[in-house]
Amino acid sequence: MTRISVKDQYYTLVNIFETSPEHQHRLIDIWQSLGAADERTGLVSVNAHLSHDGNSVISYIQWRDKAAWEGILVDPGRQERFKEVLTFATFDSIHCEVVYAQRNPKLGDPTIEISEQQDVFTVIEVARTRSKAQQDTLLEAVAGPNAALDATPGYISHSVHRDFEGEAVVSYSQWQSEDAYRAFRDAQGTRPAALDGIDLREYTLKIAYITEATKI
């Protein structure tokens, strides 16, 4: 089970692979062939998600720190498998950190968890910012307590991530169902002013598999 927390200060990668429905599971098979997360390398967890439309696979990866991630880049086996992936998918990677996390207090434990045993509707939203100043403005609007969300039927949790280069803000949210999420979006009405001029992409997902180090 993966935990999302500000205090852990993990170096987080949101890897977005655009592919086709017939290749989604091929991507998952390749990742699984690389083996489990290993505390000796600093890899904390890998959380692979399949988009409901079949066109994307997103991995939410936690590393102990940036140096640990850089260390894996010299692994020739991983590089060869990555080259194979690029024959049938495009790739974008957002390097970020968690700056805010909130879980519905009605659910008890405030810890946000990702688990294969959860039956949740997952949404990742990627807002592409054009500058650090624009990123800061967006974070001021979204990275703080939201009592309205806590009162929203079906809301479980959300976390906000800051890209280190000032080029993106990523939201990872969990809902009890797609209907609950869509009802929330419909109730919002117009697009928030903080998103004016910002390209926003929404991915609705289900968890495919998780691997995590047993001890960090």
N, C-alpha and C. Protein backbone atom coordinates (compact mmCIF):
# COMPACT_ATOMS: atom_id res chain seq x y z
N MET A 1 0.83 -1.19 0.00
CA MET A 1 0.00 0.00 0.00
C MET A 1 0.87 1.25 0.00
N THR A 2 0.62 2.15 -0.91
CA THR A 2 1.39 3.39 -1.06
C THR A 2 0.73 4.51 -0.27
N ARG A 3 1.56 5.33 0.35
CA ARG A 3 1.04 6.48 1.10
C ARG A 3 1.47 7.76 0.40
N ILE A 4 0.55 8.73 0.29
CA ILE A 4 0.87 10.04 -0.26
C ILE A 4 0.83 11.04 0.88
N SER A 5 1.98 11.66 1.13
CA SER A 5 2.09 12.56 2.28
C SER A 5 3.11 13.65 1.99
N VAL A 6 2.82 14.85 2.45
CA VAL A 6 3.77 15.95 2.31
C VAL A 6 5.04 15.68 3.11
N LYS A 7 4.88 15.15 4.29
CA LYS A 7 6.03 15.01 5.19
C LYS A 7 7.05 13.99 4.72
N ASP A 8 6.65 13.04 3.86
CA ASP A 8 7.62 12.04 3.39
C ASP A 8 8.65 12.65 2.45
N GLN A 9 8.29 13.72 1.74
CA GLN A 9 9.21 14.45 0.87
C GLN A 9 9.85 13.55 -0.20
N TYR A 10 9.09 12.64 -0.73
CA TYR A 10 9.61 11.78 -1.78
C TYR A 10 9.77 12.55 -3.09
N TYR A 11 10.74 12.14 -3.87
CA TYR A 11 10.92 12.65 -5.23
C TYR A 11 9.96 11.83 -6.09
N THR A 12 8.93 12.49 -6.59
CA THR A 12 7.81 11.80 -7.24
C THR A 12 7.82 12.02 -8.74
N LEU A 13 7.61 10.94 -9.48
CA LEU A 13 7.47 11.01 -10.93
C LEU A 13 6.04 10.64 -11.32
N VAL A 14 5.43 11.47 -12.13
CA VAL A 14 4.16 11.12 -12.77
C VAL A 14 4.48 10.89 -14.24
N ASN A 15 4.60 9.62 -14.62
CA ASN A 15 4.97 9.26 -15.98
C ASN A 15 3.71 8.96 -16.79
N ILE A 16 3.55 9.70 -17.86
CA ILE A 16 2.35 9.59 -18.69
C ILE A 16 2.71 8.96 -20.04
N PHE A 17 2.14 7.81 -20.31
CA PHE A 17 2.36 7.11 -21.57
C PHE A 17 1.07 7.16 -22.37
N GLU A 18 1.15 7.72 -23.57
CA GLU A 18 0.01 7.72 -24.48
C GLU A 18 0.19 6.55 -25.45
N THR A 19 -0.81 5.70 -25.53
CA THR A 19 -0.70 4.50 -26.34
C THR A 19 -2.06 4.16 -26.92
N SER A 20 -2.32 2.92 -27.21
CA SER A 20 -3.61 2.48 -27.74
C SER A 20 -4.13 1.36 -26.85
N PRO A 21 -5.45 1.12 -26.89
CA PRO A 21 -6.02 0.11 -25.99
C PRO A 21 -5.34 -1.26 -26.06
N GLU A 22 -4.93 -1.67 -27.26
CA GLU A 22 -4.32 -3.00 -27.37
C GLU A 22 -2.93 -3.07 -26.76
N HIS A 23 -2.34 -1.91 -26.44
CA HIS A 23 -0.99 -1.90 -25.89
C HIS A 23 -0.93 -1.53 -24.41
N GLN A 24 -2.06 -1.21 -23.82
CA GLN A 24 -2.05 -0.84 -22.40
C GLN A 24 -1.43 -1.94 -21.53
N HIS A 25 -1.90 -3.13 -21.69
CA HIS A 25 -1.42 -4.20 -20.82
C HIS A 25 0.00 -4.65 -21.18
N ARG A 26 0.41 -4.41 -22.41
CA ARG A 26 1.80 -4.69 -22.78
C ARG A 26 2.74 -3.80 -21.97
N LEU A 27 2.35 -2.55 -21.78
CA LEU A 27 3.13 -1.64 -20.94
C LEU A 27 3.24 -2.16 -19.51
N ILE A 28 2.12 -2.60 -18.98
CA ILE A 28 2.10 -3.12 -17.61
C ILE A 28 3.01 -4.34 -17.50
N ASP A 29 2.95 -5.22 -18.49
CA ASP A 29 3.78 -6.43 -18.46
C ASP A 29 5.27 -6.07 -18.44
N ILE A 30 5.65 -5.06 -19.20
CA ILE A 30 7.05 -4.65 -19.24
C ILE A 30 7.47 -4.12 -17.88
N TRP A 31 6.67 -3.28 -17.28
CA TRP A 31 7.02 -2.75 -15.96
C TRP A 31 7.15 -3.86 -14.93
N GLN A 32 6.21 -4.78 -14.96
CA GLN A 32 6.25 -5.87 -13.98
C GLN A 32 7.49 -6.75 -14.17
N SER A 33 7.96 -6.84 -15.41
CA SER A 33 9.15 -7.65 -15.67
C SER A 33 10.41 -7.05 -15.05
N LEU A 34 10.36 -5.77 -14.68
CA LEU A 34 11.53 -5.11 -14.08
C LEU A 34 11.70 -5.46 -12.61
N GLY A 35 10.72 -6.13 -12.03
CA GLY A 35 10.86 -6.56 -10.64
C GLY A 35 10.23 -5.58 -9.67
N ALA A 36 10.25 -5.97 -8.41
CA ALA A 36 9.61 -5.18 -7.37
C ALA A 36 10.47 -3.97 -6.99
N ALA A 37 9.81 -3.01 -6.33
CA ALA A 37 10.55 -1.87 -5.77
C ALA A 37 11.57 -2.40 -4.77
N ASP A 38 12.71 -1.76 -4.73
CA ASP A 38 13.82 -2.25 -3.92
C ASP A 38 14.38 -1.11 -3.09
N GLU A 39 14.34 -1.26 -1.77
CA GLU A 39 14.82 -0.19 -0.89
C GLU A 39 16.30 0.13 -1.12
N ARG A 40 17.06 -0.84 -1.63
CA ARG A 40 18.50 -0.59 -1.85
C ARG A 40 18.74 0.42 -2.96
N THR A 41 17.81 0.52 -3.90
CA THR A 41 17.96 1.49 -4.98
C THR A 41 17.31 2.83 -4.65
N GLY A 42 16.54 2.87 -3.57
CA GLY A 42 15.83 4.09 -3.22
C GLY A 42 14.48 4.20 -3.88
N LEU A 43 14.05 3.15 -4.59
CA LEU A 43 12.72 3.14 -5.20
C LEU A 43 11.70 2.74 -4.14
N VAL A 44 10.81 3.66 -3.81
CA VAL A 44 9.85 3.43 -2.73
C VAL A 44 8.61 2.70 -3.24
N SER A 45 8.03 3.17 -4.34
CA SER A 45 6.83 2.51 -4.85
C SER A 45 6.61 2.86 -6.31
N VAL A 46 5.94 1.94 -7.01
CA VAL A 46 5.46 2.17 -8.38
C VAL A 46 3.97 1.83 -8.38
N ASN A 47 3.17 2.78 -8.86
CA ASN A 47 1.72 2.61 -8.87
C ASN A 47 1.23 2.84 -10.30
N ALA A 48 0.91 1.77 -10.98
CA ALA A 48 0.54 1.85 -12.39
C ALA A 48 -0.97 1.93 -12.54
N HIS A 49 -1.42 2.86 -13.39
CA HIS A 49 -2.84 3.09 -13.61
C HIS A 49 -3.17 2.97 -15.10
N LEU A 50 -4.33 2.40 -15.40
CA LEU A 50 -4.85 2.33 -16.77
C LEU A 50 -5.97 3.35 -16.91
N SER A 51 -5.95 4.11 -18.00
CA SER A 51 -7.04 5.05 -18.24
C SER A 51 -8.27 4.29 -18.72
N HIS A 52 -9.44 4.81 -18.38
CA HIS A 52 -10.67 4.14 -18.78
C HIS A 52 -10.90 4.19 -20.29
N ASP A 53 -10.34 5.20 -20.96
CA ASP A 53 -10.54 5.28 -22.42
C ASP A 53 -9.56 4.40 -23.20
N GLY A 54 -8.61 3.78 -22.50
CA GLY A 54 -7.68 2.86 -23.15
C GLY A 54 -6.48 3.51 -23.81
N ASN A 55 -6.39 4.84 -23.75
CA ASN A 55 -5.34 5.54 -24.50
C ASN A 55 -4.15 5.98 -23.67
N SER A 56 -4.17 5.74 -22.37
CA SER A 56 -3.08 6.19 -21.52
C SER A 56 -2.77 5.17 -20.44
N VAL A 57 -1.51 5.18 -20.02
CA VAL A 57 -1.06 4.46 -18.83
C VAL A 57 -0.25 5.46 -18.03
N ILE A 58 -0.56 5.61 -16.75
CA ILE A 58 0.16 6.57 -15.92
C ILE A 58 0.75 5.84 -14.72
N SER A 59 2.04 6.05 -14.51
CA SER A 59 2.69 5.49 -13.34
C SER A 59 3.01 6.61 -12.36
N TYR A 60 2.63 6.39 -11.12
CA TYR A 60 2.92 7.32 -10.03
C TYR A 60 4.03 6.67 -9.22
N ILE A 61 5.24 7.24 -9.32
CA ILE A 61 6.43 6.59 -8.77
C ILE A 61 7.06 7.45 -7.69
N GLN A 62 7.38 6.83 -6.58
CA GLN A 62 8.02 7.54 -5.47
C GLN A 62 9.45 7.05 -5.30
N TRP A 63 10.38 8.00 -5.26
CA TRP A 63 11.78 7.72 -4.99
C TRP A 63 12.20 8.38 -3.68
N ARG A 64 13.17 7.81 -3.02
CA ARG A 64 13.65 8.39 -1.76
C ARG A 64 14.14 9.82 -1.98
N ASP A 65 14.85 10.05 -3.09
CA ASP A 65 15.33 11.39 -3.42
C ASP A 65 15.75 11.40 -4.90
N LYS A 66 16.16 12.55 -5.39
CA LYS A 66 16.52 12.67 -6.81
C LYS A 66 17.73 11.81 -7.14
N ALA A 67 18.69 11.73 -6.24
CA ALA A 67 19.89 10.93 -6.49
C ALA A 67 19.54 9.46 -6.72
N ALA A 68 18.56 8.96 -6.00
CA ALA A 68 18.14 7.57 -6.18
C ALA A 68 17.58 7.36 -7.58
N TRP A 69 16.76 8.31 -8.04
CA TRP A 69 16.22 8.21 -9.40
C TRP A 69 17.35 8.27 -10.43
N GLU A 70 18.28 9.17 -10.26
CA GLU A 70 19.38 9.29 -11.21
C GLU A 70 20.21 8.01 -11.26
N GLY A 71 20.30 7.31 -10.14
CA GLY A 71 21.08 6.08 -10.09
C GLY A 71 20.53 4.99 -10.98
N ILE A 72 19.21 4.96 -11.16
CA ILE A 72 18.60 3.89 -11.97
C ILE A 72 18.79 4.14 -13.46
N LEU A 73 19.14 5.36 -13.84
CA LEU A 73 19.27 5.69 -15.25
C LEU A 73 20.41 4.95 -15.93
N VAL A 74 21.36 4.46 -15.15
CA VAL A 74 22.52 3.75 -15.73
C VAL A 74 22.26 2.25 -15.86
N ASP A 75 21.08 1.79 -15.47
CA ASP A 75 20.75 0.37 -15.54
C ASP A 75 20.46 0.02 -17.01
N PRO A 76 21.33 -0.73 -17.69
CA PRO A 76 21.13 -1.02 -19.12
C PRO A 76 19.87 -1.83 -19.40
N GLY A 77 19.50 -2.71 -18.48
CA GLY A 77 18.30 -3.52 -18.68
C GLY A 77 17.05 -2.66 -18.72
N ARG A 78 16.96 -1.72 -17.82
CA ARG A 78 15.80 -0.82 -17.80
C ARG A 78 15.78 0.07 -19.03
N GLN A 79 16.94 0.50 -19.47
CA GLN A 79 16.98 1.37 -20.65
C GLN A 79 16.52 0.63 -21.90
N GLU A 80 16.88 -0.64 -22.03
CA GLU A 80 16.45 -1.42 -23.18
C GLU A 80 14.93 -1.62 -23.18
N ARG A 81 14.37 -1.87 -22.01
CA ARG A 81 12.92 -2.05 -21.93
C ARG A 81 12.20 -0.73 -22.23
N PHE A 82 12.80 0.39 -21.80
CA PHE A 82 12.21 1.68 -22.08
C PHE A 82 12.20 1.96 -23.59
N LYS A 83 13.28 1.60 -24.27
CA LYS A 83 13.32 1.77 -25.72
C LYS A 83 12.21 0.95 -26.39
N GLU A 84 11.96 -0.23 -25.85
CA GLU A 84 10.87 -1.07 -26.39
C GLU A 84 9.52 -0.36 -26.22
N VAL A 85 9.31 0.24 -25.06
CA VAL A 85 8.06 0.95 -24.80
C VAL A 85 7.84 2.06 -25.83
N LEU A 86 8.91 2.76 -26.17
CA LEU A 86 8.79 3.90 -27.08
C LEU A 86 8.48 3.49 -28.53
N THR A 87 8.47 2.20 -28.81
CA THR A 87 8.06 1.74 -30.14
C THR A 87 6.55 1.72 -30.30
N PHE A 88 5.81 1.79 -29.19
CA PHE A 88 4.34 1.77 -29.29
C PHE A 88 3.66 2.78 -28.36
N ALA A 89 4.45 3.68 -27.74
CA ALA A 89 3.86 4.68 -26.85
C ALA A 89 4.71 5.94 -26.85
N THR A 90 4.07 7.08 -26.60
CA THR A 90 4.81 8.32 -26.35
C THR A 90 4.90 8.51 -24.84
N PHE A 91 5.83 9.36 -24.43
CA PHE A 91 6.17 9.43 -23.01
C PHE A 91 6.39 10.86 -22.56
N ASP A 92 5.85 11.18 -21.41
CA ASP A 92 6.10 12.47 -20.76
C ASP A 92 6.26 12.21 -19.28
N SER A 93 7.22 12.86 -18.66
CA SER A 93 7.48 12.64 -17.25
C SER A 93 7.47 13.96 -16.49
N ILE A 94 6.69 14.01 -15.43
CA ILE A 94 6.63 15.19 -14.57
C ILE A 94 7.32 14.85 -13.26
N HIS A 95 8.37 15.61 -12.95
CA HIS A 95 9.12 15.40 -11.72
C HIS A 95 8.62 16.40 -10.69
N CYS A 96 8.13 15.91 -9.56
CA CYS A 96 7.41 16.80 -8.66
C CYS A 96 7.50 16.36 -7.20
N GLU A 97 6.88 17.15 -6.36
CA GLU A 97 6.78 16.84 -4.94
C GLU A 97 5.37 17.13 -4.47
N VAL A 98 4.95 16.43 -3.42
CA VAL A 98 3.63 16.66 -2.84
C VAL A 98 3.69 17.93 -1.99
N VAL A 99 2.79 18.88 -2.27
CA VAL A 99 2.76 20.12 -1.48
C VAL A 99 1.50 20.23 -0.64
N TYR A 100 0.50 19.39 -0.92
CA TYR A 100 -0.72 19.42 -0.11
C TYR A 100 -1.43 18.09 -0.25
N ALA A 101 -2.00 17.62 0.85
CA ALA A 101 -2.77 16.37 0.84
C ALA A 101 -3.96 16.50 1.79
N GLN A 102 -5.10 16.01 1.34
CA GLN A 102 -6.33 16.10 2.14
C GLN A 102 -7.15 14.85 1.93
N ARG A 103 -7.65 14.30 3.03
CA ARG A 103 -8.55 13.14 2.97
C ARG A 103 -9.81 13.47 3.75
N ASN A 104 -10.94 13.00 3.24
CA ASN A 104 -12.21 13.28 3.87
C ASN A 104 -12.19 12.86 5.34
N PRO A 105 -12.38 13.80 6.28
CA PRO A 105 -12.30 13.45 7.71
C PRO A 105 -13.37 12.46 8.15
N LYS A 106 -14.45 12.37 7.39
CA LYS A 106 -15.50 11.41 7.74
C LYS A 106 -15.02 9.97 7.61
N LEU A 107 -13.90 9.78 6.90
CA LEU A 107 -13.38 8.42 6.66
C LEU A 107 -12.38 7.99 7.72
N GLY A 108 -12.13 8.85 8.71
CA GLY A 108 -11.25 8.47 9.81
C GLY A 108 -9.80 8.83 9.56
N ASP A 109 -8.94 7.84 9.40
CA ASP A 109 -7.50 8.04 9.22
C ASP A 109 -7.24 9.07 8.11
N PRO A 110 -6.46 10.13 8.39
CA PRO A 110 -6.20 11.16 7.38
C PRO A 110 -5.19 10.77 6.32
N THR A 111 -4.59 9.59 6.43
CA THR A 111 -3.56 9.18 5.48
C THR A 111 -4.16 8.80 4.13
N ILE A 112 -3.60 9.38 3.06
CA ILE A 112 -4.02 9.00 1.71
C ILE A 112 -3.28 7.74 1.31
N GLU A 113 -4.01 6.76 0.84
CA GLU A 113 -3.42 5.48 0.46
C GLU A 113 -3.82 5.09 -0.95
N ILE A 114 -2.89 4.42 -1.64
CA ILE A 114 -3.19 3.80 -2.93
C ILE A 114 -3.02 2.30 -2.73
N SER A 115 -4.06 1.56 -3.03
CA SER A 115 -4.04 0.12 -2.79
C SER A 115 -4.77 -0.61 -3.90
N GLU A 116 -4.26 -1.78 -4.26
CA GLU A 116 -4.94 -2.61 -5.26
C GLU A 116 -6.26 -3.15 -4.72
N GLN A 117 -6.44 -3.13 -3.41
CA GLN A 117 -7.67 -3.63 -2.81
C GLN A 117 -8.77 -2.57 -2.80
N GLN A 118 -8.42 -1.33 -3.11
CA GLN A 118 -9.41 -0.26 -3.12
C GLN A 118 -10.27 -0.30 -4.38
N ASP A 119 -11.54 -0.10 -4.21
CA ASP A 119 -12.44 0.06 -5.36
C ASP A 119 -12.75 1.55 -5.47
N VAL A 120 -11.83 2.29 -6.10
CA VAL A 120 -11.98 3.75 -6.17
C VAL A 120 -11.88 4.21 -7.62
N PHE A 121 -12.44 5.38 -7.86
CA PHE A 121 -12.35 6.05 -9.15
C PHE A 121 -11.26 7.10 -9.00
N THR A 122 -10.18 6.94 -9.75
CA THR A 122 -9.02 7.80 -9.61
C THR A 122 -8.97 8.82 -10.75
N VAL A 123 -8.64 10.06 -10.40
CA VAL A 123 -8.52 11.12 -11.40
C VAL A 123 -7.18 11.81 -11.21
N ILE A 124 -6.42 11.88 -12.29
CA ILE A 124 -5.19 12.69 -12.31
C ILE A 124 -5.43 13.85 -13.27
N GLU A 125 -5.22 15.06 -12.77
CA GLU A 125 -5.35 16.26 -13.59
C GLU A 125 -3.98 16.93 -13.68
N VAL A 126 -3.59 17.27 -14.90
CA VAL A 126 -2.30 17.90 -15.15
C VAL A 126 -2.54 19.29 -15.72
N ALA A 127 -2.16 20.30 -14.97
CA ALA A 127 -2.27 21.69 -15.42
C ALA A 127 -0.89 22.15 -15.85
N ARG A 128 -0.74 22.52 -17.11
CA ARG A 128 0.55 22.94 -17.66
C ARG A 128 0.72 24.45 -17.48
N THR A 129 1.61 24.83 -16.61
CA THR A 129 1.85 26.25 -16.35
C THR A 129 3.03 26.75 -17.19
N ARG A 130 2.98 28.03 -17.54
CA ARG A 130 3.99 28.59 -18.44
C ARG A 130 5.15 29.25 -17.70
N SER A 131 5.04 29.39 -16.40
CA SER A 131 6.10 30.03 -15.62
C SER A 131 5.96 29.64 -14.16
N LYS A 132 7.03 29.88 -13.41
CA LYS A 132 6.98 29.62 -11.97
C LYS A 132 5.94 30.52 -11.30
N ALA A 133 5.82 31.76 -11.78
CA ALA A 133 4.84 32.68 -11.20
C ALA A 133 3.42 32.18 -11.41
N GLN A 134 3.15 31.66 -12.62
CA GLN A 134 1.82 31.13 -12.89
C GLN A 134 1.56 29.88 -12.04
N GLN A 135 2.59 29.06 -11.89
CA GLN A 135 2.46 27.88 -11.05
C GLN A 135 2.14 28.28 -9.60
N ASP A 136 2.86 29.27 -9.08
CA ASP A 136 2.64 29.73 -7.71
C ASP A 136 1.21 30.24 -7.52
N THR A 137 0.72 30.98 -8.51
CA THR A 137 -0.65 31.51 -8.44
C THR A 137 -1.67 30.38 -8.38
N LEU A 138 -1.46 29.37 -9.21
CA LEU A 138 -2.37 28.23 -9.22
C LEU A 138 -2.30 27.46 -7.91
N LEU A 139 -1.10 27.27 -7.39
CA LEU A 139 -0.95 26.55 -6.12
C LEU A 139 -1.64 27.29 -4.98
N GLU A 140 -1.57 28.61 -4.99
CA GLU A 140 -2.25 29.39 -3.95
C GLU A 140 -3.75 29.12 -3.97
N ALA A 141 -4.27 28.84 -5.15
CA ALA A 141 -5.72 28.61 -5.29
C ALA A 141 -6.15 27.19 -4.95
N VAL A 142 -5.26 26.21 -5.15
CA VAL A 142 -5.70 24.81 -5.02
C VAL A 142 -5.02 24.03 -3.90
N ALA A 143 -3.90 24.51 -3.39
CA ALA A 143 -3.13 23.73 -2.41
C ALA A 143 -3.44 24.20 -0.99
N GLY A 144 -4.68 23.99 -0.57
CA GLY A 144 -5.08 24.39 0.77
C GLY A 144 -6.36 23.69 1.17
N PRO A 145 -6.73 23.77 2.45
CA PRO A 145 -7.93 23.09 2.93
C PRO A 145 -9.17 23.47 2.13
N ASN A 146 -9.98 22.45 1.83
CA ASN A 146 -11.18 22.66 1.03
C ASN A 146 -12.35 21.98 1.74
N ALA A 147 -13.07 22.75 2.55
CA ALA A 147 -14.19 22.20 3.32
C ALA A 147 -15.32 21.75 2.40
N ALA A 148 -15.46 22.42 1.25
CA ALA A 148 -16.52 22.05 0.32
C ALA A 148 -16.31 20.63 -0.21
N LEU A 149 -15.05 20.27 -0.44
CA LEU A 149 -14.77 18.91 -0.90
C LEU A 149 -15.14 17.89 0.17
N ASP A 150 -14.80 18.20 1.42
CA ASP A 150 -15.13 17.28 2.51
C ASP A 150 -16.62 17.01 2.59
N ALA A 151 -17.42 17.99 2.18
CA ALA A 151 -18.87 17.85 2.23
C ALA A 151 -19.46 17.26 0.96
N THR A 152 -18.61 16.98 -0.02
CA THR A 152 -19.08 16.46 -1.30
C THR A 152 -19.31 14.95 -1.23
N PRO A 153 -20.50 14.49 -1.56
CA PRO A 153 -20.76 13.03 -1.54
C PRO A 153 -19.78 12.29 -2.45
N GLY A 154 -19.20 11.22 -1.92
CA GLY A 154 -18.32 10.39 -2.72
C GLY A 154 -16.87 10.81 -2.76
N TYR A 155 -16.53 11.96 -2.16
CA TYR A 155 -15.14 12.42 -2.16
C TYR A 155 -14.34 11.62 -1.14
N ILE A 156 -13.16 11.12 -1.55
CA ILE A 156 -12.27 10.38 -0.65
C ILE A 156 -11.05 11.22 -0.30
N SER A 157 -10.29 11.66 -1.30
CA SER A 157 -9.06 12.38 -1.01
C SER A 157 -8.54 13.07 -2.25
N HIS A 158 -7.59 14.00 -2.04
CA HIS A 158 -6.83 14.53 -3.16
C HIS A 158 -5.49 15.03 -2.65
N SER A 159 -4.51 15.05 -3.54
CA SER A 159 -3.20 15.58 -3.23
C SER A 159 -2.74 16.45 -4.40
N VAL A 160 -1.96 17.49 -4.06
CA VAL A 160 -1.50 18.44 -5.06
C VAL A 160 0.02 18.37 -5.14
N HIS A 161 0.54 18.35 -6.37
CA HIS A 161 1.97 18.18 -6.60
C HIS A 161 2.52 19.35 -7.41
N ARG A 162 3.72 19.78 -7.05
CA ARG A 162 4.39 20.88 -7.73
C ARG A 162 5.55 20.36 -8.56
N ASP A 163 5.51 20.63 -9.86
CA ASP A 163 6.62 20.29 -10.74
C ASP A 163 7.82 21.17 -10.40
N PHE A 164 9.01 20.59 -10.35
CA PHE A 164 10.19 21.33 -9.90
C PHE A 164 10.60 22.44 -10.85
N GLU A 165 10.22 22.34 -12.12
CA GLU A 165 10.62 23.34 -13.11
C GLU A 165 9.60 24.45 -13.29
N GLY A 166 8.51 24.41 -12.53
CA GLY A 166 7.49 25.43 -12.67
C GLY A 166 6.57 25.23 -13.87
N GLU A 167 6.58 24.03 -14.44
CA GLU A 167 5.85 23.79 -15.68
C GLU A 167 4.53 23.03 -15.50
N ALA A 168 4.22 22.63 -14.28
CA ALA A 168 2.98 21.86 -14.10
C ALA A 168 2.56 21.84 -12.64
N VAL A 169 1.25 21.66 -12.46
CA VAL A 169 0.65 21.32 -11.17
C VAL A 169 -0.18 20.07 -11.41
N VAL A 170 0.00 19.07 -10.56
CA VAL A 170 -0.69 17.79 -10.74
C VAL A 170 -1.59 17.52 -9.54
N SER A 171 -2.82 17.14 -9.81
CA SER A 171 -3.75 16.72 -8.76
C SER A 171 -4.02 15.23 -8.91
N TYR A 172 -3.95 14.51 -7.78
CA TYR A 172 -4.28 13.08 -7.75
C TYR A 172 -5.45 12.94 -6.79
N SER A 173 -6.63 12.59 -7.31
CA SER A 173 -7.80 12.50 -6.42
C SER A 173 -8.46 11.14 -6.51
N GLN A 174 -9.15 10.79 -5.42
CA GLN A 174 -9.84 9.50 -5.31
C GLN A 174 -11.31 9.75 -4.97
N TRP A 175 -12.18 9.00 -5.64
CA TRP A 175 -13.62 9.13 -5.47
C TRP A 175 -14.24 7.76 -5.31
N GLN A 176 -15.39 7.72 -4.67
CA GLN A 176 -16.05 6.44 -4.48
C GLN A 176 -16.63 5.88 -5.77
N SER A 177 -16.90 6.78 -6.73
CA SER A 177 -17.46 6.32 -8.01
C SER A 177 -17.29 7.42 -9.06
N GLU A 178 -17.43 7.05 -10.31
CA GLU A 178 -17.39 8.04 -11.38
C GLU A 178 -18.57 9.00 -11.26
N ASP A 179 -19.73 8.49 -10.88
CA ASP A 179 -20.91 9.35 -10.75
C ASP A 179 -20.66 10.46 -9.73
N ALA A 180 -20.01 10.12 -8.62
CA ALA A 180 -19.72 11.11 -7.58
C ALA A 180 -18.80 12.20 -8.12
N TYR A 181 -17.78 11.78 -8.87
CA TYR A 181 -16.85 12.76 -9.44
C TYR A 181 -17.54 13.65 -10.46
N ARG A 182 -18.32 13.07 -11.35
CA ARG A 182 -19.00 13.85 -12.38
C ARG A 182 -20.02 14.82 -11.76
N ALA A 183 -20.68 14.39 -10.71
CA ALA A 183 -21.63 15.28 -10.04
C ALA A 183 -20.91 16.47 -9.43
N PHE A 184 -19.74 16.23 -8.87
CA PHE A 184 -18.94 17.31 -8.30
C PHE A 184 -18.53 18.30 -9.39
N ARG A 185 -18.07 17.79 -10.52
CA ARG A 185 -17.65 18.65 -11.62
C ARG A 185 -18.83 19.45 -12.18
N ASP A 186 -19.95 18.81 -12.31
CA ASP A 186 -21.13 19.50 -12.83
C ASP A 186 -21.56 20.63 -11.89
N ALA A 187 -21.44 20.38 -10.59
CA ALA A 187 -21.84 21.38 -9.60
C ALA A 187 -20.90 22.58 -9.59
N GLN A 188 -19.64 22.36 -10.03
CA GLN A 188 -18.68 23.45 -10.07
C GLN A 188 -19.04 24.52 -11.09
N GLY A 189 -19.68 24.10 -12.17
CA GLY A 189 -20.07 25.06 -13.20
C GLY A 189 -18.89 25.52 -14.01
N THR A 190 -18.63 26.82 -14.00
CA THR A 190 -17.57 27.39 -14.83
C THR A 190 -16.18 27.01 -14.33
N ARG A 191 -15.23 27.07 -15.23
CA ARG A 191 -13.84 26.78 -14.92
C ARG A 191 -13.29 27.82 -13.94
N PRO A 192 -12.59 27.40 -12.87
CA PRO A 192 -12.05 28.35 -11.90
C PRO A 192 -11.13 29.38 -12.57
N ALA A 193 -11.19 30.62 -12.09
CA ALA A 193 -10.39 31.70 -12.68
C ALA A 193 -8.90 31.39 -12.62
N ALA A 194 -8.46 30.64 -11.60
CA ALA A 194 -7.03 30.32 -11.46
C ALA A 194 -6.51 29.50 -12.63
N LEU A 195 -7.43 28.88 -13.39
CA LEU A 195 -7.02 28.04 -14.52
C LEU A 195 -7.07 28.78 -15.86
N ASP A 196 -7.41 30.06 -15.83
CA ASP A 196 -7.47 30.84 -17.07
C ASP A 196 -6.11 30.83 -17.77
N GLY A 197 -6.11 30.49 -19.06
CA GLY A 197 -4.88 30.48 -19.83
C GLY A 197 -4.00 29.27 -19.59
N ILE A 198 -4.49 28.29 -18.85
CA ILE A 198 -3.69 27.10 -18.53
C ILE A 198 -4.30 25.88 -19.22
N ASP A 199 -3.46 25.09 -19.87
CA ASP A 199 -3.90 23.85 -20.48
C ASP A 199 -4.08 22.80 -19.39
N LEU A 200 -5.28 22.24 -19.31
CA LEU A 200 -5.60 21.25 -18.27
C LEU A 200 -6.03 19.95 -18.92
N ARG A 201 -5.39 18.86 -18.52
CA ARG A 201 -5.74 17.53 -19.05
C ARG A 201 -6.19 16.65 -17.90
N GLU A 202 -7.32 15.98 -18.12
CA GLU A 202 -7.89 15.10 -17.11
C GLU A 202 -7.76 13.64 -17.55
N TYR A 203 -7.30 12.78 -16.64
CA TYR A 203 -7.22 11.34 -16.90
C TYR A 203 -8.04 10.64 -15.83
N THR A 204 -8.99 9.81 -16.24
CA THR A 204 -9.73 9.00 -15.28
C THR A 204 -9.17 7.58 -15.37
N LEU A 205 -8.93 6.99 -14.20
CA LEU A 205 -8.07 5.81 -14.15
C LEU A 205 -8.54 4.75 -13.16
N LYS A 206 -7.98 3.56 -13.36
CA LYS A 206 -8.11 2.48 -12.39
C LYS A 206 -6.71 1.94 -12.11
N ILE A 207 -6.50 1.45 -10.91
CA ILE A 207 -5.19 0.93 -10.53
C ILE A 207 -4.97 -0.43 -11.20
N ALA A 208 -3.80 -0.58 -11.83
CA ALA A 208 -3.46 -1.85 -12.48
C ALA A 208 -2.59 -2.72 -11.58
N TYR A 209 -1.55 -2.14 -11.04
CA TYR A 209 -0.73 -2.87 -10.08
C TYR A 209 0.14 -1.91 -9.28
N ILE A 210 0.60 -2.41 -8.13
CA ILE A 210 1.45 -1.62 -7.23
C ILE A 210 2.60 -2.50 -6.78
N THR A 211 3.79 -1.93 -6.77
CA THR A 211 4.91 -2.58 -6.11
C THR A 211 5.57 -1.56 -5.20
N GLU A 212 5.94 -1.98 -4.01
CA GLU A 212 6.56 -1.06 -3.07
C GLU A 212 7.62 -1.76 -2.25
N ALA A 213 8.61 -0.99 -1.85
CA ALA A 213 9.67 -1.54 -1.00
C ALA A 213 9.07 -1.89 0.35
N THR A 214 9.52 -3.00 0.89
CA THR A 214 8.96 -3.46 2.18
C THR A 214 9.49 -2.65 3.34
N LYS A 215 10.62 -1.96 3.14
CA LYS A 215 11.21 -1.24 4.25
C LYS A 215 12.08 -0.13 3.70
N ILE A 216 11.88 1.11 4.20
CA ILE A 216 12.67 2.26 3.75
C ILE A 216 13.40 2.86 4.93
